[in-house]
């Protein structure tokens, strides 16, 4: 899985449209193997991003959990701590 795709479910405040679109873009880039499609493929690439973003938003809107919402700042700090350990020299 692409490391740039972050979990979006169960956060307070909820994931924004731009976060969902960014995740969709990363997914399409990974699957297609291209960070920037050719002009011939641009329309298909953009359509795929839009469709995946829409279905991702649908999924997030319909997921149910009993867990309390996660705090974005706390989760970001945990990620920074993991990165510091991973990339320590």
N, C-alpha and C. Protein backbone atom coordinates (compact mmCIF):
# COMPACT_ATOMS: atom_id res chain seq x y z
N UNK A 1 0.84 -1.18 0.00
CA UNK A 1 0.00 0.00 0.00
C UNK A 1 0.89 1.24 0.00
N UNK A 2 0.45 2.24 -0.64
CA UNK A 2 1.20 3.48 -0.74
C UNK A 2 1.29 4.15 0.64
N UNK A 3 2.45 4.53 1.05
CA UNK A 3 2.63 5.16 2.37
C UNK A 3 1.96 6.51 2.47
N UNK A 4 1.70 7.15 1.35
CA UNK A 4 1.09 8.49 1.38
C UNK A 4 -0.41 8.45 1.62
N UNK A 5 -1.02 7.29 1.51
CA UNK A 5 -2.46 7.19 1.77
C UNK A 5 -2.64 6.98 3.26
N UNK A 6 -3.32 7.90 3.89
CA UNK A 6 -3.51 7.88 5.33
C UNK A 6 -4.93 7.44 5.68
N UNK A 7 -5.09 6.80 6.85
CA UNK A 7 -6.45 6.47 7.30
C UNK A 7 -7.27 7.75 7.43
N UNK A 8 -8.51 7.69 7.01
CA UNK A 8 -9.37 8.88 7.03
C UNK A 8 -10.60 8.69 7.91
N UNK A 9 -10.82 7.49 8.38
CA UNK A 9 -12.03 7.20 9.14
C UNK A 9 -11.87 7.52 10.63
N UNK A 10 -12.96 7.98 11.24
CA UNK A 10 -13.08 8.18 12.67
C UNK A 10 -12.14 9.25 13.23
N UNK A 11 -12.08 10.38 12.56
CA UNK A 11 -11.33 11.52 13.05
C UNK A 11 -12.28 12.65 13.38
N UNK A 12 -11.86 13.47 14.31
CA UNK A 12 -12.61 14.67 14.63
C UNK A 12 -11.69 15.85 14.39
N UNK A 13 -11.96 16.74 13.50
CA UNK A 13 -13.09 16.78 12.57
C UNK A 13 -12.93 15.73 11.47
N UNK A 14 -14.04 15.38 10.81
CA UNK A 14 -13.99 14.36 9.76
C UNK A 14 -13.07 14.76 8.60
N UNK A 15 -12.69 13.77 7.82
CA UNK A 15 -11.82 14.02 6.66
C UNK A 15 -12.48 15.02 5.71
N UNK A 16 -11.66 15.89 5.17
CA UNK A 16 -12.17 16.90 4.24
C UNK A 16 -12.21 16.32 2.83
N UNK A 17 -12.91 17.02 1.96
CA UNK A 17 -12.99 16.60 0.56
C UNK A 17 -11.59 16.56 -0.06
N UNK A 18 -10.74 17.52 0.29
CA UNK A 18 -9.40 17.55 -0.29
C UNK A 18 -8.56 16.36 0.19
N UNK A 19 -8.74 15.92 1.43
CA UNK A 19 -8.02 14.74 1.93
C UNK A 19 -8.47 13.47 1.20
N UNK A 20 -9.77 13.37 0.97
CA UNK A 20 -10.31 12.22 0.25
C UNK A 20 -9.80 12.21 -1.19
N UNK A 21 -9.80 13.37 -1.83
CA UNK A 21 -9.31 13.47 -3.20
C UNK A 21 -7.81 13.16 -3.28
N UNK A 22 -7.05 13.63 -2.30
CA UNK A 22 -5.61 13.34 -2.27
C UNK A 22 -5.36 11.84 -2.14
N UNK A 23 -6.14 11.17 -1.31
CA UNK A 23 -5.99 9.72 -1.17
C UNK A 23 -6.36 9.01 -2.47
N UNK A 24 -7.42 9.47 -3.13
CA UNK A 24 -7.82 8.88 -4.41
C UNK A 24 -6.73 9.08 -5.45
N UNK A 25 -6.15 10.27 -5.48
CA UNK A 25 -5.07 10.57 -6.43
C UNK A 25 -3.87 9.64 -6.19
N UNK A 26 -3.49 9.46 -4.93
CA UNK A 26 -2.37 8.57 -4.62
C UNK A 26 -2.67 7.14 -5.05
N UNK A 27 -3.91 6.71 -4.83
CA UNK A 27 -4.30 5.36 -5.23
C UNK A 27 -4.21 5.19 -6.75
N UNK A 28 -4.73 6.14 -7.49
CA UNK A 28 -4.70 6.05 -8.96
C UNK A 28 -3.26 6.10 -9.47
N UNK A 29 -2.45 6.94 -8.86
CA UNK A 29 -1.03 6.98 -9.25
C UNK A 29 -0.36 5.64 -9.02
N UNK A 30 -0.64 5.03 -7.88
CA UNK A 30 -0.02 3.75 -7.55
C UNK A 30 -0.47 2.66 -8.52
N UNK A 31 -1.78 2.58 -8.76
CA UNK A 31 -2.32 1.53 -9.62
C UNK A 31 -1.87 1.72 -11.07
N UNK A 32 -1.86 2.97 -11.53
CA UNK A 32 -1.50 3.22 -12.93
C UNK A 32 0.01 3.20 -13.16
N UNK A 33 0.77 3.40 -12.10
CA UNK A 33 2.22 3.43 -12.24
C UNK A 33 2.73 4.75 -12.80
N UNK A 34 1.88 5.77 -12.80
CA UNK A 34 2.27 7.07 -13.35
C UNK A 34 1.91 8.18 -12.38
N UNK A 35 2.86 9.06 -12.09
CA UNK A 35 2.54 10.20 -11.24
C UNK A 35 1.88 11.30 -12.05
N UNK A 36 2.21 11.35 -13.32
CA UNK A 36 1.58 12.31 -14.23
C UNK A 36 1.28 11.58 -15.53
N UNK A 37 -0.01 11.41 -15.83
CA UNK A 37 -0.35 10.65 -17.03
C UNK A 37 -0.04 11.44 -18.30
N UNK A 38 0.06 10.72 -19.40
CA UNK A 38 0.24 11.37 -20.69
C UNK A 38 -1.04 12.11 -21.05
N UNK A 39 -0.95 13.00 -22.03
CA UNK A 39 -2.15 13.74 -22.45
C UNK A 39 -3.23 12.78 -22.94
N UNK A 40 -2.84 11.70 -23.55
CA UNK A 40 -3.80 10.72 -24.06
C UNK A 40 -4.56 10.04 -22.93
N UNK A 41 -3.94 9.94 -21.75
CA UNK A 41 -4.57 9.26 -20.62
C UNK A 41 -5.11 10.20 -19.55
N UNK A 42 -4.92 11.50 -19.70
CA UNK A 42 -5.30 12.45 -18.67
C UNK A 42 -6.79 12.38 -18.32
N UNK A 43 -7.66 12.28 -19.32
CA UNK A 43 -9.10 12.24 -19.06
C UNK A 43 -9.48 11.00 -18.25
N UNK A 44 -8.94 9.85 -18.62
CA UNK A 44 -9.23 8.62 -17.89
C UNK A 44 -8.68 8.69 -16.46
N UNK A 45 -7.50 9.25 -16.31
CA UNK A 45 -6.86 9.41 -15.01
C UNK A 45 -7.72 10.30 -14.11
N UNK A 46 -8.13 11.46 -14.62
CA UNK A 46 -8.95 12.39 -13.84
C UNK A 46 -10.31 11.80 -13.48
N UNK A 47 -10.90 11.06 -14.42
CA UNK A 47 -12.20 10.42 -14.16
C UNK A 47 -12.05 9.37 -13.06
N UNK A 48 -10.97 8.61 -13.09
CA UNK A 48 -10.74 7.59 -12.07
C UNK A 48 -10.57 8.24 -10.70
N UNK A 49 -9.82 9.32 -10.62
CA UNK A 49 -9.63 10.02 -9.34
C UNK A 49 -10.98 10.50 -8.81
N UNK A 50 -11.80 11.09 -9.67
CA UNK A 50 -13.10 11.60 -9.24
C UNK A 50 -14.01 10.47 -8.76
N UNK A 51 -14.04 9.38 -9.50
CA UNK A 51 -14.90 8.25 -9.11
C UNK A 51 -14.43 7.61 -7.81
N UNK A 52 -13.14 7.43 -7.65
CA UNK A 52 -12.62 6.82 -6.44
C UNK A 52 -12.83 7.74 -5.24
N UNK A 53 -12.66 9.04 -5.44
CA UNK A 53 -12.92 10.00 -4.36
C UNK A 53 -14.38 9.94 -3.93
N UNK A 54 -15.29 9.85 -4.89
CA UNK A 54 -16.72 9.79 -4.57
C UNK A 54 -17.06 8.52 -3.80
N UNK A 55 -16.55 7.39 -4.23
CA UNK A 55 -16.87 6.14 -3.53
C UNK A 55 -16.18 6.08 -2.17
N UNK A 56 -15.01 6.68 -2.06
CA UNK A 56 -14.33 6.75 -0.77
C UNK A 56 -15.13 7.60 0.20
N UNK A 57 -15.64 8.73 -0.26
CA UNK A 57 -16.46 9.58 0.59
C UNK A 57 -17.73 8.84 1.01
N UNK A 58 -18.33 8.10 0.08
CA UNK A 58 -19.52 7.29 0.39
C UNK A 58 -19.19 6.27 1.49
N UNK A 59 -18.05 5.61 1.35
CA UNK A 59 -17.63 4.64 2.35
C UNK A 59 -17.47 5.31 3.72
N UNK A 60 -16.74 6.41 3.76
CA UNK A 60 -16.51 7.11 5.03
C UNK A 60 -17.82 7.57 5.66
N UNK A 61 -18.76 8.01 4.83
CA UNK A 61 -20.05 8.48 5.34
C UNK A 61 -20.88 7.36 5.94
N UNK A 62 -20.63 6.12 5.52
CA UNK A 62 -21.48 5.01 5.95
C UNK A 62 -20.81 4.04 6.93
N UNK A 63 -19.54 4.24 7.22
CA UNK A 63 -18.87 3.38 8.21
C UNK A 63 -19.40 3.71 9.61
N UNK A 64 -19.53 2.69 10.43
CA UNK A 64 -20.02 2.85 11.80
C UNK A 64 -18.96 2.31 12.75
N UNK A 65 -18.72 3.03 13.84
CA UNK A 65 -17.76 2.57 14.84
C UNK A 65 -18.22 2.99 16.22
N UNK A 66 -17.88 2.19 17.21
CA UNK A 66 -18.18 2.52 18.60
C UNK A 66 -16.99 3.20 19.26
N UNK A 67 -15.85 3.21 18.58
CA UNK A 67 -14.64 3.82 19.13
C UNK A 67 -14.77 5.34 19.13
N UNK A 68 -14.19 5.99 20.11
CA UNK A 68 -14.22 7.45 20.12
C UNK A 68 -13.39 8.00 18.97
N UNK A 69 -13.76 9.16 18.44
CA UNK A 69 -12.98 9.75 17.33
C UNK A 69 -11.54 10.03 17.75
N UNK A 70 -10.62 9.85 16.80
CA UNK A 70 -9.22 10.11 17.06
C UNK A 70 -8.94 11.60 16.86
N UNK A 71 -7.94 12.07 17.58
CA UNK A 71 -7.51 13.46 17.48
C UNK A 71 -6.40 13.55 16.44
N UNK A 72 -6.56 14.43 15.47
CA UNK A 72 -5.58 14.53 14.38
C UNK A 72 -4.19 14.90 14.87
N UNK A 73 -4.10 15.82 15.83
CA UNK A 73 -2.79 16.25 16.32
C UNK A 73 -2.07 15.12 17.05
N UNK A 74 -2.80 14.37 17.86
CA UNK A 74 -2.21 13.24 18.60
C UNK A 74 -1.72 12.18 17.62
N UNK A 75 -2.54 11.86 16.62
CA UNK A 75 -2.15 10.86 15.63
C UNK A 75 -0.95 11.33 14.81
N UNK A 76 -0.89 12.61 14.49
CA UNK A 76 0.25 13.16 13.74
C UNK A 76 1.52 13.06 14.58
N UNK A 77 1.42 13.33 15.86
CA UNK A 77 2.59 13.23 16.74
C UNK A 77 3.07 11.78 16.83
N UNK A 78 2.14 10.84 16.92
CA UNK A 78 2.51 9.42 16.93
C UNK A 78 3.25 9.05 15.64
N UNK A 79 2.76 9.55 14.51
CA UNK A 79 3.39 9.26 13.22
C UNK A 79 4.80 9.86 13.16
N UNK A 80 4.96 11.06 13.68
CA UNK A 80 6.29 11.69 13.71
C UNK A 80 7.25 10.86 14.58
N UNK A 81 6.76 10.37 15.71
CA UNK A 81 7.60 9.56 16.59
C UNK A 81 8.01 8.26 15.90
N UNK A 82 7.06 7.62 15.19
CA UNK A 82 7.40 6.40 14.45
C UNK A 82 8.43 6.69 13.36
N UNK A 83 8.28 7.81 12.69
CA UNK A 83 9.22 8.19 11.63
C UNK A 83 10.60 8.47 12.21
N UNK A 84 10.66 9.10 13.37
CA UNK A 84 11.95 9.40 13.98
C UNK A 84 12.69 8.10 14.31
N UNK A 85 11.96 7.10 14.79
CA UNK A 85 12.58 5.81 15.10
C UNK A 85 12.99 5.12 13.80
N UNK A 86 12.10 5.13 12.80
CA UNK A 86 12.37 4.45 11.53
C UNK A 86 13.57 5.03 10.81
N UNK A 87 13.70 6.36 10.83
CA UNK A 87 14.76 7.01 10.05
C UNK A 87 15.92 7.49 10.90
N UNK A 88 16.01 7.04 12.15
CA UNK A 88 17.11 7.45 13.03
C UNK A 88 18.41 6.92 12.45
N UNK A 89 19.46 7.69 12.62
CA UNK A 89 20.77 7.28 12.08
C UNK A 89 21.56 6.64 13.16
